[in-house]
Amino acid sequence: MLQFFRAGGFPMFVVLAAGIAAIVLALRHSPRAAAAQRAVLFLTAGAFALDLAAVFTNAPDYALRDQAPLLPMVVTGIGEALSPVVLGLLLVAGAALAARPAGTANGGEETART
């Protein structure tokens, strides 16, 4: 897990904080829960873009310094940049599951009782 956060960098903590807030709001059945989930999605996209910018900015310098091929560094960096996407989507899914009222199934429709 530590490697996962190290790969994603600082934006992971922003996504985690927003995701926890979204889950708490969903558990409280707050009307702001949907907005919080959207915020997590946008923060996730921003974190991914920030990580990609870091990869594309720094990979050429590292490749020159280490006399290493550029493509493997870029591919590894893109893999690491996907860390906030994985975390953000899992947190949004958790918030969506937490928001579902008890006793409902099939997308929120009341189940028939016999």
N, C-alpha and C. Protein backbone atom coordinates (compact mmCIF):
# COMPACT_ATOMS: atom_id res chain seq x y z
N MET A 1 0.82 -1.19 0.00
CA MET A 1 0.00 0.00 0.00
C MET A 1 0.87 1.26 0.00
N LEU A 2 1.97 1.19 0.74
CA LEU A 2 2.87 2.34 0.76
C LEU A 2 3.46 2.59 -0.62
N GLN A 3 3.80 1.53 -1.33
CA GLN A 3 4.33 1.67 -2.68
C GLN A 3 3.28 2.29 -3.61
N PHE A 4 2.03 1.92 -3.40
CA PHE A 4 0.92 2.47 -4.18
C PHE A 4 0.84 3.98 -4.01
N PHE A 5 0.95 4.46 -2.76
CA PHE A 5 0.90 5.89 -2.49
C PHE A 5 2.18 6.57 -2.97
N ARG A 6 3.30 5.90 -2.84
CA ARG A 6 4.56 6.48 -3.32
C ARG A 6 4.52 6.65 -4.83
N ALA A 7 3.93 5.69 -5.53
CA ALA A 7 3.85 5.77 -6.99
C ALA A 7 2.96 6.92 -7.43
N GLY A 8 1.86 7.16 -6.72
CA GLY A 8 0.93 8.22 -7.11
C GLY A 8 1.34 9.59 -6.65
N GLY A 9 2.20 9.67 -5.64
CA GLY A 9 2.67 10.96 -5.16
C GLY A 9 1.67 11.70 -4.29
N PHE A 10 1.94 12.97 -4.07
CA PHE A 10 1.12 13.80 -3.19
C PHE A 10 -0.36 13.84 -3.58
N PRO A 11 -0.72 13.86 -4.87
CA PRO A 11 -2.15 13.92 -5.21
C PRO A 11 -2.97 12.77 -4.62
N MET A 12 -2.31 11.68 -4.28
CA MET A 12 -3.03 10.55 -3.69
C MET A 12 -3.69 10.95 -2.37
N PHE A 13 -3.02 11.79 -1.59
CA PHE A 13 -3.57 12.20 -0.31
C PHE A 13 -4.78 13.11 -0.48
N VAL A 14 -4.77 13.92 -1.52
CA VAL A 14 -5.92 14.78 -1.82
C VAL A 14 -7.12 13.92 -2.22
N VAL A 15 -6.88 12.94 -3.09
CA VAL A 15 -7.95 12.04 -3.53
C VAL A 15 -8.47 11.24 -2.34
N LEU A 16 -7.57 10.75 -1.49
CA LEU A 16 -7.98 9.98 -0.31
C LEU A 16 -8.84 10.82 0.64
N ALA A 17 -8.43 12.05 0.91
CA ALA A 17 -9.20 12.91 1.81
C ALA A 17 -10.58 13.20 1.25
N ALA A 18 -10.66 13.51 -0.03
CA ALA A 18 -11.96 13.79 -0.64
C ALA A 18 -12.82 12.53 -0.68
N GLY A 19 -12.20 11.39 -0.92
CA GLY A 19 -12.95 10.13 -0.96
C GLY A 19 -13.51 9.75 0.40
N ILE A 20 -12.72 9.96 1.44
CA ILE A 20 -13.22 9.68 2.79
C ILE A 20 -14.38 10.61 3.12
N ALA A 21 -14.26 11.87 2.74
CA ALA A 21 -15.37 12.81 2.97
C ALA A 21 -16.62 12.37 2.21
N ALA A 22 -16.45 11.89 0.98
CA ALA A 22 -17.59 11.43 0.19
C ALA A 22 -18.26 10.22 0.84
N ILE A 23 -17.47 9.31 1.37
CA ILE A 23 -18.03 8.13 2.03
C ILE A 23 -18.77 8.53 3.30
N VAL A 24 -18.21 9.44 4.08
CA VAL A 24 -18.87 9.90 5.30
C VAL A 24 -20.19 10.58 4.96
N LEU A 25 -20.20 11.44 3.95
CA LEU A 25 -21.45 12.09 3.55
C LEU A 25 -22.47 11.08 3.05
N ALA A 26 -22.00 10.06 2.34
CA ALA A 26 -22.92 9.03 1.84
C ALA A 26 -23.52 8.23 2.99
N LEU A 27 -22.70 7.90 3.98
CA LEU A 27 -23.21 7.16 5.14
C LEU A 27 -24.24 7.95 5.93
N ARG A 28 -24.10 9.26 5.91
CA ARG A 28 -25.06 10.12 6.61
C ARG A 28 -26.27 10.45 5.73
N HIS A 29 -26.29 9.93 4.51
CA HIS A 29 -27.36 10.19 3.54
C HIS A 29 -27.55 11.69 3.32
N SER A 30 -26.42 12.37 3.24
CA SER A 30 -26.43 13.81 3.04
C SER A 30 -26.79 14.13 1.59
N PRO A 31 -27.53 15.23 1.37
CA PRO A 31 -27.83 15.63 -0.01
C PRO A 31 -26.56 16.06 -0.77
N ARG A 32 -25.48 16.30 -0.07
CA ARG A 32 -24.22 16.69 -0.71
C ARG A 32 -23.37 15.49 -1.12
N ALA A 33 -23.82 14.29 -0.88
CA ALA A 33 -23.02 13.10 -1.17
C ALA A 33 -22.73 12.97 -2.67
N ALA A 34 -23.70 13.24 -3.51
CA ALA A 34 -23.48 13.13 -4.95
C ALA A 34 -22.47 14.17 -5.43
N ALA A 35 -22.55 15.36 -4.88
CA ALA A 35 -21.59 16.40 -5.25
C ALA A 35 -20.19 16.02 -4.79
N ALA A 36 -20.09 15.40 -3.63
CA ALA A 36 -18.79 14.97 -3.13
C ALA A 36 -18.20 13.87 -4.02
N GLN A 37 -19.05 12.98 -4.50
CA GLN A 37 -18.57 11.92 -5.41
C GLN A 37 -18.07 12.52 -6.72
N ARG A 38 -18.79 13.51 -7.23
CA ARG A 38 -18.32 14.18 -8.45
C ARG A 38 -16.99 14.89 -8.20
N ALA A 39 -16.86 15.48 -7.03
CA ALA A 39 -15.60 16.16 -6.69
C ALA A 39 -14.44 15.17 -6.66
N VAL A 40 -14.69 13.98 -6.14
CA VAL A 40 -13.64 12.95 -6.12
C VAL A 40 -13.26 12.58 -7.55
N LEU A 41 -14.24 12.44 -8.42
CA LEU A 41 -13.94 12.11 -9.81
C LEU A 41 -13.09 13.19 -10.48
N PHE A 42 -13.44 14.46 -10.26
CA PHE A 42 -12.66 15.55 -10.84
C PHE A 42 -11.27 15.65 -10.23
N LEU A 43 -11.17 15.45 -8.93
CA LEU A 43 -9.86 15.45 -8.29
C LEU A 43 -9.00 14.29 -8.79
N THR A 44 -9.64 13.16 -9.05
CA THR A 44 -8.92 12.00 -9.59
C THR A 44 -8.37 12.32 -10.97
N ALA A 45 -9.19 12.94 -11.81
CA ALA A 45 -8.72 13.32 -13.14
C ALA A 45 -7.58 14.34 -13.06
N GLY A 46 -7.70 15.28 -12.15
CA GLY A 46 -6.64 16.26 -11.96
C GLY A 46 -5.35 15.64 -11.45
N ALA A 47 -5.48 14.69 -10.53
CA ALA A 47 -4.30 14.00 -10.00
C ALA A 47 -3.61 13.20 -11.10
N PHE A 48 -4.40 12.55 -11.94
CA PHE A 48 -3.84 11.78 -13.06
C PHE A 48 -3.11 12.71 -14.02
N ALA A 49 -3.71 13.84 -14.35
CA ALA A 49 -3.07 14.80 -15.25
C ALA A 49 -1.78 15.35 -14.64
N LEU A 50 -1.80 15.63 -13.35
CA LEU A 50 -0.61 16.14 -12.68
C LEU A 50 0.52 15.10 -12.69
N ASP A 51 0.16 13.84 -12.43
CA ASP A 51 1.17 12.78 -12.47
C ASP A 51 1.72 12.57 -13.88
N LEU A 52 0.84 12.63 -14.88
CA LEU A 52 1.32 12.50 -16.25
C LEU A 52 2.26 13.65 -16.63
N ALA A 53 1.92 14.85 -16.20
CA ALA A 53 2.78 15.99 -16.48
C ALA A 53 4.16 15.79 -15.85
N ALA A 54 4.19 15.25 -14.64
CA ALA A 54 5.47 14.98 -14.00
C ALA A 54 6.27 13.93 -14.77
N VAL A 55 5.59 12.91 -15.26
CA VAL A 55 6.27 11.85 -16.03
C VAL A 55 6.86 12.44 -17.30
N PHE A 56 6.04 13.14 -18.06
CA PHE A 56 6.50 13.65 -19.35
C PHE A 56 7.53 14.77 -19.21
N THR A 57 7.54 15.45 -18.08
CA THR A 57 8.52 16.49 -17.85
C THR A 57 9.86 15.92 -17.39
N ASN A 58 9.81 14.92 -16.52
CA ASN A 58 11.03 14.42 -15.89
C ASN A 58 11.66 13.22 -16.58
N ALA A 59 10.89 12.41 -17.28
CA ALA A 59 11.44 11.20 -17.88
C ALA A 59 12.58 11.47 -18.86
N PRO A 60 12.49 12.46 -19.73
CA PRO A 60 13.63 12.71 -20.64
C PRO A 60 14.92 13.05 -19.89
N ASP A 61 14.82 13.83 -18.83
CA ASP A 61 16.01 14.17 -18.05
C ASP A 61 16.63 12.94 -17.40
N TYR A 62 15.77 12.09 -16.82
CA TYR A 62 16.29 10.86 -16.20
C TYR A 62 16.91 9.94 -17.25
N ALA A 63 16.30 9.86 -18.42
CA ALA A 63 16.83 9.00 -19.47
C ALA A 63 18.21 9.48 -19.92
N LEU A 64 18.39 10.79 -20.05
CA LEU A 64 19.70 11.32 -20.43
C LEU A 64 20.73 11.11 -19.33
N ARG A 65 20.32 11.36 -18.11
CA ARG A 65 21.24 11.24 -16.98
C ARG A 65 21.73 9.80 -16.78
N ASP A 66 20.78 8.86 -16.88
CA ASP A 66 21.09 7.46 -16.61
C ASP A 66 21.50 6.69 -17.86
N GLN A 67 21.51 7.35 -19.02
CA GLN A 67 21.80 6.68 -20.30
C GLN A 67 20.90 5.45 -20.47
N ALA A 68 19.63 5.64 -20.18
CA ALA A 68 18.64 4.55 -20.27
C ALA A 68 17.64 4.88 -21.37
N PRO A 69 17.00 3.86 -21.94
CA PRO A 69 15.99 4.12 -22.96
C PRO A 69 14.78 4.85 -22.36
N LEU A 70 14.22 5.74 -23.14
CA LEU A 70 13.13 6.59 -22.66
C LEU A 70 11.80 5.84 -22.54
N LEU A 71 11.50 4.99 -23.50
CA LEU A 71 10.19 4.34 -23.53
C LEU A 71 9.87 3.54 -22.27
N PRO A 72 10.77 2.69 -21.77
CA PRO A 72 10.43 1.97 -20.53
C PRO A 72 10.17 2.90 -19.35
N MET A 73 10.89 4.01 -19.30
CA MET A 73 10.66 4.96 -18.20
C MET A 73 9.28 5.60 -18.31
N VAL A 74 8.89 5.95 -19.52
CA VAL A 74 7.59 6.58 -19.72
C VAL A 74 6.46 5.60 -19.42
N VAL A 75 6.61 4.36 -19.87
CA VAL A 75 5.57 3.35 -19.61
C VAL A 75 5.44 3.10 -18.11
N THR A 76 6.56 3.01 -17.41
CA THR A 76 6.51 2.83 -15.96
C THR A 76 5.86 4.04 -15.30
N GLY A 77 6.19 5.23 -15.77
CA GLY A 77 5.60 6.44 -15.21
C GLY A 77 4.10 6.53 -15.43
N ILE A 78 3.65 6.10 -16.59
CA ILE A 78 2.20 6.10 -16.85
C ILE A 78 1.51 5.11 -15.92
N GLY A 79 2.15 3.96 -15.70
CA GLY A 79 1.58 2.99 -14.76
C GLY A 79 1.47 3.57 -13.36
N GLU A 80 2.50 4.29 -12.95
CA GLU A 80 2.45 4.91 -11.63
C GLU A 80 1.42 6.04 -11.59
N ALA A 81 1.26 6.75 -12.70
CA ALA A 81 0.29 7.86 -12.75
C ALA A 81 -1.14 7.37 -12.65
N LEU A 82 -1.37 6.09 -12.92
CA LEU A 82 -2.72 5.54 -12.80
C LEU A 82 -3.12 5.25 -11.36
N SER A 83 -2.20 5.34 -10.42
CA SER A 83 -2.51 5.06 -9.02
C SER A 83 -3.65 5.92 -8.47
N PRO A 84 -3.67 7.25 -8.70
CA PRO A 84 -4.80 8.02 -8.18
C PRO A 84 -6.13 7.66 -8.85
N VAL A 85 -6.06 7.19 -10.09
CA VAL A 85 -7.30 6.79 -10.78
C VAL A 85 -7.89 5.56 -10.10
N VAL A 86 -7.05 4.60 -9.79
CA VAL A 86 -7.51 3.39 -9.10
C VAL A 86 -8.11 3.75 -7.75
N LEU A 87 -7.39 4.54 -6.98
CA LEU A 87 -7.87 4.93 -5.65
C LEU A 87 -9.17 5.73 -5.74
N GLY A 88 -9.22 6.70 -6.63
CA GLY A 88 -10.42 7.54 -6.75
C GLY A 88 -11.65 6.76 -7.15
N LEU A 89 -11.50 5.86 -8.12
CA LEU A 89 -12.66 5.07 -8.55
C LEU A 89 -13.12 4.12 -7.46
N LEU A 90 -12.19 3.54 -6.72
CA LEU A 90 -12.60 2.67 -5.61
C LEU A 90 -13.33 3.45 -4.53
N LEU A 91 -12.88 4.66 -4.24
CA LEU A 91 -13.54 5.47 -3.22
C LEU A 91 -14.93 5.93 -3.67
N VAL A 92 -15.07 6.27 -4.94
CA VAL A 92 -16.39 6.66 -5.45
C VAL A 92 -17.34 5.46 -5.41
N ALA A 93 -16.84 4.29 -5.76
CA ALA A 93 -17.68 3.08 -5.68
C ALA A 93 -18.08 2.80 -4.24
N GLY A 94 -17.15 2.98 -3.30
CA GLY A 94 -17.48 2.79 -1.89
C GLY A 94 -18.52 3.77 -1.41
N ALA A 95 -18.41 5.02 -1.84
CA ALA A 95 -19.40 6.02 -1.46
C ALA A 95 -20.77 5.71 -2.06
N ALA A 96 -20.77 5.22 -3.30
CA ALA A 96 -22.04 4.86 -3.93
C ALA A 96 -22.71 3.69 -3.20
N LEU A 97 -21.91 2.73 -2.78
CA LEU A 97 -22.48 1.60 -2.03
C LEU A 97 -22.95 2.05 -0.65
N ALA A 98 -22.24 2.97 -0.04
CA ALA A 98 -22.64 3.46 1.28
C ALA A 98 -23.91 4.29 1.21
N ALA A 99 -24.17 4.92 0.07
CA ALA A 99 -25.34 5.79 -0.07
C ALA A 99 -26.62 5.01 -0.30
N ARG A 100 -26.49 3.74 -0.68
CA ARG A 100 -27.69 2.95 -0.97
C ARG A 100 -28.46 2.68 0.32
N PRO A 101 -29.72 3.08 0.37
CA PRO A 101 -30.51 2.88 1.59
C PRO A 101 -30.67 1.39 1.91
N ALA A 102 -30.74 1.09 3.18
CA ALA A 102 -30.93 -0.29 3.61
C ALA A 102 -32.29 -0.81 3.17
N GLY A 103 -32.35 -2.06 2.80
CA GLY A 103 -33.61 -2.67 2.39
C GLY A 103 -33.94 -2.44 0.94
N THR A 104 -33.01 -1.93 0.17
CA THR A 104 -33.27 -1.73 -1.25
C THR A 104 -32.32 -2.59 -2.05
N ALA A 105 -32.75 -2.93 -3.22
CA ALA A 105 -31.92 -3.72 -4.15
C ALA A 105 -32.29 -3.29 -5.56
N ASN A 106 -31.60 -3.80 -6.52
CA ASN A 106 -31.89 -3.53 -7.93
C ASN A 106 -31.86 -2.04 -8.23
N GLY A 107 -30.79 -1.38 -7.82
CA GLY A 107 -30.63 0.04 -8.17
C GLY A 107 -31.51 0.98 -7.37
N GLY A 108 -31.91 0.59 -6.18
CA GLY A 108 -32.66 1.49 -5.34
C GLY A 108 -34.16 1.26 -5.34
N GLU A 109 -34.65 0.28 -6.13
CA GLU A 109 -36.07 -0.01 -6.13
C GLU A 109 -36.41 -0.87 -4.93
N GLU A 110 -37.56 -0.63 -4.36
CA GLU A 110 -37.98 -1.44 -3.22
C GLU A 110 -38.21 -2.88 -3.67
N THR A 111 -37.79 -3.80 -2.85
CA THR A 111 -38.02 -5.21 -3.19
C THR A 111 -39.43 -5.60 -2.79
N ALA A 112 -40.01 -6.49 -3.57
CA ALA A 112 -41.37 -6.96 -3.29
C ALA A 112 -41.32 -7.92 -2.11
N ARG A 113 -42.25 -7.75 -1.20
CA ARG A 113 -42.31 -8.62 -0.03
C ARG A 113 -43.58 -9.45 -0.11
N THR A 114 -43.39 -10.71 0.12
CA THR A 114 -44.58 -11.60 0.07
C THR A 114 -44.87 -12.16 1.42
